[in-house]
PDB file of all heavy atoms in Angstrom:
ATOM      1  N   VAL A   1      12.510 -11.358  -3.959  1.00  0.00           N
ATOM      2  CA  VAL A   1      11.340 -10.786  -4.624  1.00  0.00           C
ATOM      3  C   VAL A   1      11.084 -11.611  -5.875  1.00  0.00           C
ATOM      4  O   VAL A   1      11.943 -11.711  -6.748  1.00  0.00           O
ATOM      5  CB  VAL A   1      11.568  -9.313  -4.999  1.00  0.00           C
ATOM      6  CG1 VAL A   1      10.369  -8.788  -5.765  1.00  0.00           C
ATOM      7  CG2 VAL A   1      11.812  -8.478  -3.760  1.00  0.00           C
ATOM      8  N   SER A   2       9.917 -12.206  -5.961  1.00  0.00           N
ATOM      9  CA  SER A   2       9.536 -13.020  -7.101  1.00  0.00           C
ATOM     10  C   SER A   2       8.031 -12.898  -7.272  1.00  0.00           C
ATOM     11  O   SER A   2       7.339 -12.372  -6.391  1.00  0.00           O
ATOM     12  CB  SER A   2       9.934 -14.484  -6.867  1.00  0.00           C
ATOM     13  OG  SER A   2       9.318 -14.979  -5.681  1.00  0.00           O
ATOM     14  N   PRO A   3       7.480 -13.329  -8.412  1.00  0.00           N
ATOM     15  CA  PRO A   3       6.033 -13.270  -8.582  1.00  0.00           C
ATOM     16  C   PRO A   3       5.310 -13.907  -7.404  1.00  0.00           C
ATOM     17  O   PRO A   3       5.616 -15.019  -6.988  1.00  0.00           O
ATOM     18  CB  PRO A   3       5.820 -14.048  -9.889  1.00  0.00           C
ATOM     19  CG  PRO A   3       7.072 -13.792 -10.656  1.00  0.00           C
ATOM     20  CD  PRO A   3       8.163 -13.823  -9.624  1.00  0.00           C
ATOM     21  N   GLY A   4       4.347 -13.186  -6.870  1.00  0.00           N
ATOM     22  CA  GLY A   4       3.621 -13.654  -5.693  1.00  0.00           C
ATOM     23  C   GLY A   4       4.049 -12.966  -4.415  1.00  0.00           C
ATOM     24  O   GLY A   4       3.325 -12.999  -3.413  1.00  0.00           O
ATOM     25  N   THR A   5       5.217 -12.313  -4.441  1.00  0.00           N
ATOM     26  CA  THR A   5       5.680 -11.591  -3.260  1.00  0.00           C
ATOM     27  C   THR A   5       4.753 -10.417  -2.971  1.00  0.00           C
ATOM     28  O   THR A   5       4.357  -9.685  -3.873  1.00  0.00           O
ATOM     29  CB  THR A   5       7.115 -11.069  -3.466  1.00  0.00           C
ATOM     30  OG1 THR A   5       7.994 -12.184  -3.635  1.00  0.00           O
ATOM     31  CG2 THR A   5       7.582 -10.258  -2.256  1.00  0.00           C
ATOM     32  N   ARG A   6       4.405 -10.235  -1.713  1.00  0.00           N
ATOM     33  CA  ARG A   6       3.510  -9.160  -1.297  1.00  0.00           C
ATOM     34  C   ARG A   6       4.289  -8.142  -0.477  1.00  0.00           C
ATOM     35  O   ARG A   6       5.100  -8.510   0.377  1.00  0.00           O
ATOM     36  CB  ARG A   6       2.353  -9.715  -0.461  1.00  0.00           C
ATOM     37  CG  ARG A   6       1.631 -10.880  -1.101  1.00  0.00           C
ATOM     38  CD  ARG A   6       0.599 -11.472  -0.157  1.00  0.00           C
ATOM     39  NE  ARG A   6      -0.512 -10.573   0.051  1.00  0.00           N
ATOM     40  CZ  ARG A   6      -1.619 -10.579  -0.679  1.00  0.00           C
ATOM     41  NH1 ARG A   6      -1.772 -11.443  -1.663  1.00  0.00           N
ATOM     42  NH2 ARG A   6      -2.604  -9.734  -0.426  1.00  0.00           N
ATOM     43  N   VAL A   7       4.030  -6.873  -0.709  1.00  0.00           N
ATOM     44  CA  VAL A   7       4.652  -5.796   0.064  1.00  0.00           C
ATOM     45  C   VAL A   7       3.571  -4.769   0.395  1.00  0.00           C
ATOM     46  O   VAL A   7       2.596  -4.618  -0.354  1.00  0.00           O
ATOM     47  CB  VAL A   7       5.804  -5.127  -0.723  1.00  0.00           C
ATOM     48  CG1 VAL A   7       6.968  -6.086  -0.908  1.00  0.00           C
ATOM     49  CG2 VAL A   7       5.317  -4.629  -2.079  1.00  0.00           C
ATOM     50  N   PRO A   8       3.713  -4.061   1.524  1.00  0.00           N
ATOM     51  CA  PRO A   8       2.693  -3.067   1.885  1.00  0.00           C
ATOM     52  C   PRO A   8       2.551  -1.996   0.808  1.00  0.00           C
ATOM     53  O   PRO A   8       3.527  -1.368   0.407  1.00  0.00           O
ATOM     54  CB  PRO A   8       3.240  -2.476   3.189  1.00  0.00           C
ATOM     55  CG  PRO A   8       4.137  -3.542   3.743  1.00  0.00           C
ATOM     56  CD  PRO A   8       4.767  -4.174   2.542  1.00  0.00           C
ATOM     57  N   ALA A   9       1.341  -1.791   0.343  1.00  0.00           N
ATOM     58  CA  ALA A   9       1.113  -0.824  -0.733  1.00  0.00           C
ATOM     59  C   ALA A   9       1.500   0.585  -0.318  1.00  0.00           C
ATOM     60  O   ALA A   9       2.028   1.356  -1.124  1.00  0.00           O
ATOM     61  CB  ALA A   9      -0.353  -0.866  -1.168  1.00  0.00           C
ATOM     62  N   THR A  10       1.251   0.945   0.930  1.00  0.00           N
ATOM     63  CA  THR A  10       1.493   2.317   1.374  1.00  0.00           C
ATOM     64  C   THR A  10       2.975   2.657   1.464  1.00  0.00           C
ATOM     65  O   THR A  10       3.332   3.831   1.476  1.00  0.00           O
ATOM     66  CB  THR A  10       0.846   2.549   2.744  1.00  0.00           C
ATOM     67  OG1 THR A  10       1.280   1.524   3.658  1.00  0.00           O
ATOM     68  CG2 THR A  10      -0.675   2.519   2.642  1.00  0.00           C
ATOM     69  N   ALA A  11       3.850   1.648   1.531  1.00  0.00           N
ATOM     70  CA  ALA A  11       5.277   1.898   1.722  1.00  0.00           C
ATOM     71  C   ALA A  11       6.080   1.772   0.440  1.00  0.00           C
ATOM     72  O   ALA A  11       7.309   1.833   0.472  1.00  0.00           O
ATOM     73  CB  ALA A  11       5.840   0.936   2.775  1.00  0.00           C
ATOM     74  N   THR A  12       5.404   1.597  -0.698  1.00  0.00           N
ATOM     75  CA  THR A  12       6.103   1.347  -1.955  1.00  0.00           C
ATOM     76  C   THR A  12       5.622   2.280  -3.052  1.00  0.00           C
ATOM     77  O   THR A  12       4.470   2.724  -3.052  1.00  0.00           O
ATOM     78  CB  THR A  12       5.880  -0.107  -2.415  1.00  0.00           C
ATOM     79  OG1 THR A  12       4.475  -0.329  -2.576  1.00  0.00           O
ATOM     80  CG2 THR A  12       6.435  -1.083  -1.387  1.00  0.00           C
ATOM     81  N   ALA A  13       6.499   2.540  -4.002  1.00  0.00           N
ATOM     82  CA  ALA A  13       6.134   3.397  -5.124  1.00  0.00           C
ATOM     83  C   ALA A  13       5.024   2.772  -5.946  1.00  0.00           C
ATOM     84  O   ALA A  13       4.054   3.433  -6.323  1.00  0.00           O
ATOM     85  CB  ALA A  13       7.368   3.657  -6.001  1.00  0.00           C
ATOM     86  N   MET A  14       5.143   1.461  -6.239  1.00  0.00           N
ATOM     87  CA  MET A  14       4.104   0.828  -7.063  1.00  0.00           C
ATOM     88  C   MET A  14       2.783   0.747  -6.320  1.00  0.00           C
ATOM     89  O   MET A  14       1.709   0.913  -6.909  1.00  0.00           O
ATOM     90  CB  MET A  14       4.550  -0.546  -7.549  1.00  0.00           C
ATOM     91  CG  MET A  14       4.934  -1.518  -6.469  1.00  0.00           C
ATOM     92  SD  MET A  14       6.710  -1.493  -6.180  1.00  0.00           S
ATOM     93  CE  MET A  14       6.935  -3.039  -5.309  1.00  0.00           C
ATOM     94  N   GLY A  15       2.833   0.508  -5.006  1.00  0.00           N
ATOM     95  CA  GLY A  15       1.597   0.466  -4.247  1.00  0.00           C
ATOM     96  C   GLY A  15       0.901   1.811  -4.220  1.00  0.00           C
ATOM     97  O   GLY A  15      -0.333   1.892  -4.295  1.00  0.00           O
ATOM     98  N   ARG A  16       1.664   2.869  -4.136  1.00  0.00           N
ATOM     99  CA  ARG A  16       1.077   4.211  -4.114  1.00  0.00           C
ATOM    100  C   ARG A  16       0.470   4.568  -5.470  1.00  0.00           C
ATOM    101  O   ARG A  16      -0.541   5.267  -5.534  1.00  0.00           O
ATOM    102  CB  ARG A  16       2.134   5.225  -3.686  1.00  0.00           C
ATOM    103  CG  ARG A  16       2.487   5.094  -2.204  1.00  0.00           C
ATOM    104  CD  ARG A  16       3.651   5.962  -1.800  1.00  0.00           C
ATOM    105  NE  ARG A  16       3.946   5.810  -0.383  1.00  0.00           N
ATOM    106  CZ  ARG A  16       4.976   6.356   0.243  1.00  0.00           C
ATOM    107  NH1 ARG A  16       5.832   7.111  -0.443  1.00  0.00           N
ATOM    108  NH2 ARG A  16       5.165   6.156   1.537  1.00  0.00           N
ATOM    109  N   VAL A  17       1.079   4.083  -6.547  1.00  0.00           N
ATOM    110  CA  VAL A  17       0.482   4.286  -7.858  1.00  0.00           C
ATOM    111  C   VAL A  17      -0.872   3.582  -7.923  1.00  0.00           C
ATOM    112  O   VAL A  17      -1.867   4.142  -8.380  1.00  0.00           O
ATOM    113  CB  VAL A  17       1.419   3.758  -8.966  1.00  0.00           C
ATOM    114  CG1 VAL A  17       0.658   3.561 -10.277  1.00  0.00           C
ATOM    115  CG2 VAL A  17       2.577   4.723  -9.173  1.00  0.00           C
ATOM    116  N   LEU A  18      -0.908   2.354  -7.462  1.00  0.00           N
ATOM    117  CA  LEU A  18      -2.148   1.583  -7.504  1.00  0.00           C
ATOM    118  C   LEU A  18      -3.226   2.224  -6.628  1.00  0.00           C
ATOM    119  O   LEU A  18      -4.400   2.264  -6.995  1.00  0.00           O
ATOM    120  CB  LEU A  18      -1.875   0.146  -7.047  1.00  0.00           C
ATOM    121  CG  LEU A  18      -0.952  -0.666  -7.971  1.00  0.00           C
ATOM    122  CD1 LEU A  18      -0.506  -1.947  -7.287  1.00  0.00           C
ATOM    123  CD2 LEU A  18      -1.654  -0.982  -9.288  1.00  0.00           C
ATOM    124  N   LEU A  19      -2.827   2.736  -5.474  1.00  0.00           N
ATOM    125  CA  LEU A  19      -3.793   3.384  -4.584  1.00  0.00           C
ATOM    126  C   LEU A  19      -4.249   4.738  -5.121  1.00  0.00           C
ATOM    127  O   LEU A  19      -5.402   5.134  -4.924  1.00  0.00           O
ATOM    128  CB  LEU A  19      -3.176   3.570  -3.195  1.00  0.00           C
ATOM    129  CG  LEU A  19      -3.049   2.306  -2.331  1.00  0.00           C
ATOM    130  CD1 LEU A  19      -2.275   2.615  -1.057  1.00  0.00           C
ATOM    131  CD2 LEU A  19      -4.422   1.745  -1.992  1.00  0.00           C
ATOM    132  N   ALA A  20      -3.350   5.442  -5.787  1.00  0.00           N
ATOM    133  CA  ALA A  20      -3.693   6.779  -6.284  1.00  0.00           C
ATOM    134  C   ALA A  20      -4.855   6.735  -7.271  1.00  0.00           C
ATOM    135  O   ALA A  20      -5.620   7.698  -7.376  1.00  0.00           O
ATOM    136  CB  ALA A  20      -2.473   7.428  -6.948  1.00  0.00           C
ATOM    137  N   TRP A  21      -5.005   5.635  -7.999  1.00  0.00           N
ATOM    138  CA  TRP A  21      -6.099   5.510  -8.950  1.00  0.00           C
ATOM    139  C   TRP A  21      -7.154   4.496  -8.495  1.00  0.00           C
ATOM    140  O   TRP A  21      -7.977   4.062  -9.281  1.00  0.00           O
ATOM    141  CB  TRP A  21      -5.558   5.140 -10.326  1.00  0.00           C
ATOM    142  CG  TRP A  21      -5.036   6.343 -11.058  1.00  0.00           C
ATOM    143  CD1 TRP A  21      -5.759   7.217 -11.810  1.00  0.00           C
ATOM    144  CD2 TRP A  21      -3.682   6.814 -11.103  1.00  0.00           C
ATOM    145  NE1 TRP A  21      -4.939   8.203 -12.317  1.00  0.00           N
ATOM    146  CE2 TRP A  21      -3.654   7.975 -11.910  1.00  0.00           C
ATOM    147  CE3 TRP A  21      -2.484   6.363 -10.550  1.00  0.00           C
ATOM    148  CZ2 TRP A  21      -2.473   8.691 -12.154  1.00  0.00           C
ATOM    149  CZ3 TRP A  21      -1.320   7.062 -10.796  1.00  0.00           C
ATOM    150  CH2 TRP A  21      -1.325   8.218 -11.593  1.00  0.00           C
ATOM    151  N   ALA A  22      -7.119   4.135  -7.222  1.00  0.00           N
ATOM    152  CA  ALA A  22      -8.121   3.215  -6.682  1.00  0.00           C
ATOM    153  C   ALA A  22      -9.372   3.987  -6.280  1.00  0.00           C
ATOM    154  O   ALA A  22      -9.355   5.216  -6.161  1.00  0.00           O
ATOM    155  CB  ALA A  22      -7.558   2.458  -5.485  1.00  0.00           C
ATOM    156  N   GLU A  23     -10.453   3.266  -6.053  1.00  0.00           N
ATOM    157  CA  GLU A  23     -11.681   3.896  -5.588  1.00  0.00           C
ATOM    158  C   GLU A  23     -11.533   4.299  -4.126  1.00  0.00           C
ATOM    159  O   GLU A  23     -10.756   3.703  -3.371  1.00  0.00           O
ATOM    160  CB  GLU A  23     -12.863   2.935  -5.757  1.00  0.00           C
ATOM    161  CG  GLU A  23     -13.162   2.556  -7.199  1.00  0.00           C
ATOM    162  CD  GLU A  23     -13.599   3.750  -8.028  1.00  0.00           C
ATOM    163  OE1 GLU A  23     -14.188   4.678  -7.449  1.00  0.00           O
ATOM    164  OE2 GLU A  23     -13.347   3.757  -9.245  1.00  0.00           O
ATOM    165  N   GLU A  24     -12.284   5.303  -3.716  1.00  0.00           N
ATOM    166  CA  GLU A  24     -12.188   5.817  -2.349  1.00  0.00           C
ATOM    167  C   GLU A  24     -12.396   4.741  -1.284  1.00  0.00           C
ATOM    168  O   GLU A  24     -11.643   4.706  -0.298  1.00  0.00           O
ATOM    169  CB  GLU A  24     -13.178   6.969  -2.151  1.00  0.00           C
ATOM    170  CG  GLU A  24     -13.380   7.383  -0.707  1.00  0.00           C
ATOM    171  CD  GLU A  24     -12.087   7.783   0.002  1.00  0.00           C
ATOM    172  OE1 GLU A  24     -11.140   8.233  -0.677  1.00  0.00           O
ATOM    173  OE2 GLU A  24     -12.031   7.636   1.236  1.00  0.00           O
ATOM    174  N   PRO A  25     -13.383   3.839  -1.416  1.00  0.00           N
ATOM    175  CA  PRO A  25     -13.538   2.799  -0.383  1.00  0.00           C
ATOM    176  C   PRO A  25     -12.286   1.942  -0.214  1.00  0.00           C
ATOM    177  O   PRO A  25     -11.946   1.535   0.898  1.00  0.00           O
ATOM    178  CB  PRO A  25     -14.723   1.972  -0.894  1.00  0.00           C
ATOM    179  CG  PRO A  25     -15.509   2.929  -1.725  1.00  0.00           C
ATOM    180  CD  PRO A  25     -14.478   3.784  -2.408  1.00  0.00           C
ATOM    181  N   THR A  26     -11.595   1.685  -1.327  1.00  0.00           N
ATOM    182  CA  THR A  26     -10.363   0.899  -1.257  1.00  0.00           C
ATOM    183  C   THR A  26      -9.285   1.661  -0.503  1.00  0.00           C
ATOM    184  O   THR A  26      -8.595   1.106   0.370  1.00  0.00           O
ATOM    185  CB  THR A  26      -9.857   0.559  -2.674  1.00  0.00           C
ATOM    186  OG1 THR A  26     -10.838  -0.229  -3.343  1.00  0.00           O
ATOM    187  CG2 THR A  26      -8.544  -0.208  -2.615  1.00  0.00           C
ATOM    188  N   ILE A  27      -9.128   2.936  -0.815  1.00  0.00           N
ATOM    189  CA  ILE A  27      -8.128   3.757  -0.133  1.00  0.00           C
ATOM    190  C   ILE A  27      -8.439   3.852   1.356  1.00  0.00           C
ATOM    191  O   ILE A  27      -7.548   3.688   2.203  1.00  0.00           O
ATOM    192  CB  ILE A  27      -8.078   5.165  -0.752  1.00  0.00           C
ATOM    193  CG1 ILE A  27      -7.666   5.088  -2.221  1.00  0.00           C
ATOM    194  CG2 ILE A  27      -7.117   6.067   0.016  1.00  0.00           C
ATOM    195  CD1 ILE A  27      -7.811   6.381  -2.964  1.00  0.00           C
ATOM    196  N   ALA A  28      -9.695   4.095   1.674  1.00  0.00           N
ATOM    197  CA  ALA A  28     -10.088   4.216   3.079  1.00  0.00           C
ATOM    198  C   ALA A  28      -9.811   2.927   3.838  1.00  0.00           C
ATOM    199  O   ALA A  28      -9.338   2.949   4.984  1.00  0.00           O
ATOM    200  CB  ALA A  28     -11.571   4.581   3.170  1.00  0.00           C
ATOM    201  N   ARG A  29     -10.086   1.795   3.207  1.00  0.00           N
ATOM    202  CA  ARG A  29      -9.861   0.507   3.864  1.00  0.00           C
ATOM    203  C   ARG A  29      -8.368   0.268   4.116  1.00  0.00           C
ATOM    204  O   ARG A  29      -7.972  -0.199   5.186  1.00  0.00           O
ATOM    205  CB  ARG A  29     -10.435  -0.616   3.006  1.00  0.00           C
ATOM    206  CG  ARG A  29     -10.313  -1.998   3.644  1.00  0.00           C
ATOM    207  CD  ARG A  29     -11.051  -3.048   2.835  1.00  0.00           C
ATOM    208  NE  ARG A  29     -10.472  -3.239   1.510  1.00  0.00           N
ATOM    209  CZ  ARG A  29     -11.041  -2.834   0.381  1.00  0.00           C
ATOM    210  NH1 ARG A  29     -12.189  -2.179   0.415  1.00  0.00           N
ATOM    211  NH2 ARG A  29     -10.452  -3.057  -0.778  1.00  0.00           N
ATOM    212  N   VAL A  30      -7.540   0.596   3.140  1.00  0.00           N
ATOM    213  CA  VAL A  30      -6.095   0.392   3.285  1.00  0.00           C
ATOM    214  C   VAL A  30      -5.535   1.291   4.386  1.00  0.00           C
ATOM    215  O   VAL A  30      -4.743   0.846   5.241  1.00  0.00           O
ATOM    216  CB  VAL A  30      -5.372   0.667   1.958  1.00  0.00           C
ATOM    217  CG1 VAL A  30      -3.857   0.660   2.157  1.00  0.00           C
ATOM    218  CG2 VAL A  30      -5.770  -0.385   0.920  1.00  0.00           C
ATOM    219  N   LEU A  31      -5.947   2.551   4.407  1.00  0.00           N
ATOM    220  CA  LEU A  31      -5.439   3.477   5.417  1.00  0.00           C
ATOM    221  C   LEU A  31      -5.968   3.131   6.801  1.00  0.00           C
ATOM    222  O   LEU A  31      -5.260   3.281   7.802  1.00  0.00           O
ATOM    223  CB  LEU A  31      -5.817   4.911   5.044  1.00  0.00           C
ATOM    224  CG  LEU A  31      -5.213   5.446   3.739  1.00  0.00           C
ATOM    225  CD1 LEU A  31      -5.602   6.900   3.532  1.00  0.00           C
ATOM    226  CD2 LEU A  31      -3.696   5.303   3.746  1.00  0.00           C
ATOM    227  N   ALA A  32      -7.202   2.640   6.870  1.00  0.00           N
ATOM    228  CA  ALA A  32      -7.781   2.272   8.160  1.00  0.00           C
ATOM    229  C   ALA A  32      -7.119   1.034   8.747  1.00  0.00           C
ATOM    230  O   ALA A  32      -7.157   0.823   9.967  1.00  0.00           O
ATOM    231  CB  ALA A  32      -9.284   2.039   8.008  1.00  0.00           C
ATOM    232  N   ALA A  33      -6.511   0.212   7.881  1.00  0.00           N
ATOM    233  CA  ALA A  33      -5.860  -1.008   8.362  1.00  0.00           C
ATOM    234  C   ALA A  33      -4.599  -0.713   9.158  1.00  0.00           C
ATOM    235  O   ALA A  33      -4.064  -1.594   9.833  1.00  0.00           O
ATOM    236  CB  ALA A  33      -5.534  -1.917   7.172  1.00  0.00           C
ATOM    237  N   GLY A  34      -4.115   0.544   9.090  1.00  0.00           N
ATOM    238  CA  GLY A  34      -2.919   0.909   9.831  1.00  0.00           C
ATOM    239  C   GLY A  34      -1.664   0.653   9.029  1.00  0.00           C
ATOM    240  O   GLY A  34      -1.078  -0.436   9.114  1.00  0.00           O
ATOM    241  N   PRO A  35      -1.241   1.611   8.184  1.00  0.00           N
ATOM    242  CA  PRO A  35      -0.034   1.435   7.369  1.00  0.00           C
ATOM    243  C   PRO A  35       1.162   1.057   8.232  1.00  0.00           C
ATOM    244  O   PRO A  35       1.461   1.738   9.218  1.00  0.00           O
ATOM    245  CB  PRO A  35       0.155   2.812   6.725  1.00  0.00           C
ATOM    246  CG  PRO A  35      -1.233   3.391   6.699  1.00  0.00           C
ATOM    247  CD  PRO A  35      -1.869   2.924   7.974  1.00  0.00           C
ATOM    248  N   PRO A  36       1.851  -0.029   7.905  1.00  0.00           N
ATOM    249  CA  PRO A  36       2.986  -0.472   8.721  1.00  0.00           C
ATOM    250  C   PRO A  36       4.233   0.381   8.523  1.00  0.00           C
ATOM    251  O   PRO A  36       4.457   0.914   7.436  1.00  0.00           O
ATOM    252  CB  PRO A  36       3.228  -1.902   8.231  1.00  0.00           C
ATOM    253  CG  PRO A  36       2.798  -1.859   6.797  1.00  0.00           C
ATOM    254  CD  PRO A  36       1.609  -0.937   6.769  1.00  0.00           C
ATOM    255  N   ALA A  37       5.022   0.505   9.562  1.00  0.00           N
ATOM    256  CA  ALA A  37       6.294   1.224   9.492  1.00  0.00           C
ATOM    257  C   ALA A  37       7.395   0.209   9.207  1.00  0.00           C
ATOM    258  O   ALA A  37       7.897  -0.454  10.114  1.00  0.00           O
ATOM    259  CB  ALA A  37       6.558   1.959  10.795  1.00  0.00           C
ATOM    260  N   CYS A  38       7.751   0.066   7.955  1.00  0.00           N
ATOM    261  CA  CYS A  38       8.766  -0.913   7.566  1.00  0.00           C
ATOM    262  C   CYS A  38      10.176  -0.448   7.905  1.00  0.00           C
ATOM    263  O   CYS A  38      11.055  -1.251   8.205  1.00  0.00           O
ATOM    264  CB  CYS A  38       8.661  -1.200   6.080  1.00  0.00           C
ATOM    265  SG  CYS A  38       7.039  -1.806   5.542  1.00  0.00           S
ATOM    266  N   THR A  39      10.404   0.856   7.833  1.00  0.00           N
ATOM    267  CA  THR A  39      11.689   1.460   8.188  1.00  0.00           C
ATOM    268  C   THR A  39      11.390   2.782   8.896  1.00  0.00           C
ATOM    269  O   THR A  39      10.246   3.254   8.883  1.00  0.00           O
ATOM    270  CB  THR A  39      12.557   1.750   6.948  1.00  0.00           C
ATOM    271  OG1 THR A  39      12.040   2.899   6.261  1.00  0.00           O
ATOM    272  CG2 THR A  39      12.582   0.563   6.002  1.00  0.00           C
ATOM    273  N   PRO A  40      12.394   3.410   9.494  1.00  0.00           N
ATOM    274  CA  PRO A  40      12.162   4.714  10.128  1.00  0.00           C
ATOM    275  C   PRO A  40      11.674   5.789   9.154  1.00  0.00           C
ATOM    276  O   PRO A  40      11.099   6.794   9.578  1.00  0.00           O
ATOM    277  CB  PRO A  40      13.537   5.072  10.695  1.00  0.00           C
ATOM    278  CG  PRO A  40      14.194   3.757  10.948  1.00  0.00           C
ATOM    279  CD  PRO A  40      13.749   2.891   9.807  1.00  0.00           C
ATOM    280  N   ARG A  41      11.881   5.571   7.845  1.00  0.00           N
ATOM    281  CA  ARG A  41      11.486   6.568   6.856  1.00  0.00           C
ATOM    282  C   ARG A  41      10.064   6.349   6.325  1.00  0.00           C
ATOM    283  O   ARG A  41       9.562   7.175   5.568  1.00  0.00           O
ATOM    284  CB  ARG A  41      12.468   6.554   5.678  1.00  0.00           C
ATOM    285  CG  ARG A  41      13.904   6.884   6.050  1.00  0.00           C
ATOM    286  CD  ARG A  41      14.780   7.023   4.828  1.00  0.00           C
ATOM    287  NE  ARG A  41      14.381   8.151   3.985  1.00  0.00           N
ATOM    288  CZ  ARG A  41      15.055   8.582   2.934  1.00  0.00           C
ATOM    289  NH1 ARG A  41      16.176   7.969   2.589  1.00  0.00           N
ATOM    290  NH2 ARG A  41      14.637   9.603   2.224  1.00  0.00           N
TER     291      ARG A  41
END
């Protein structure tokens, strides 16, 4: 993990913070893209 590393927003605490205060079109687009299952949890 270093600057520039990308991780799915829906599967991370920081991504969920960013989405929680994002505009609705952004949230809808991210959820419509199909949140990936990185682990069984």
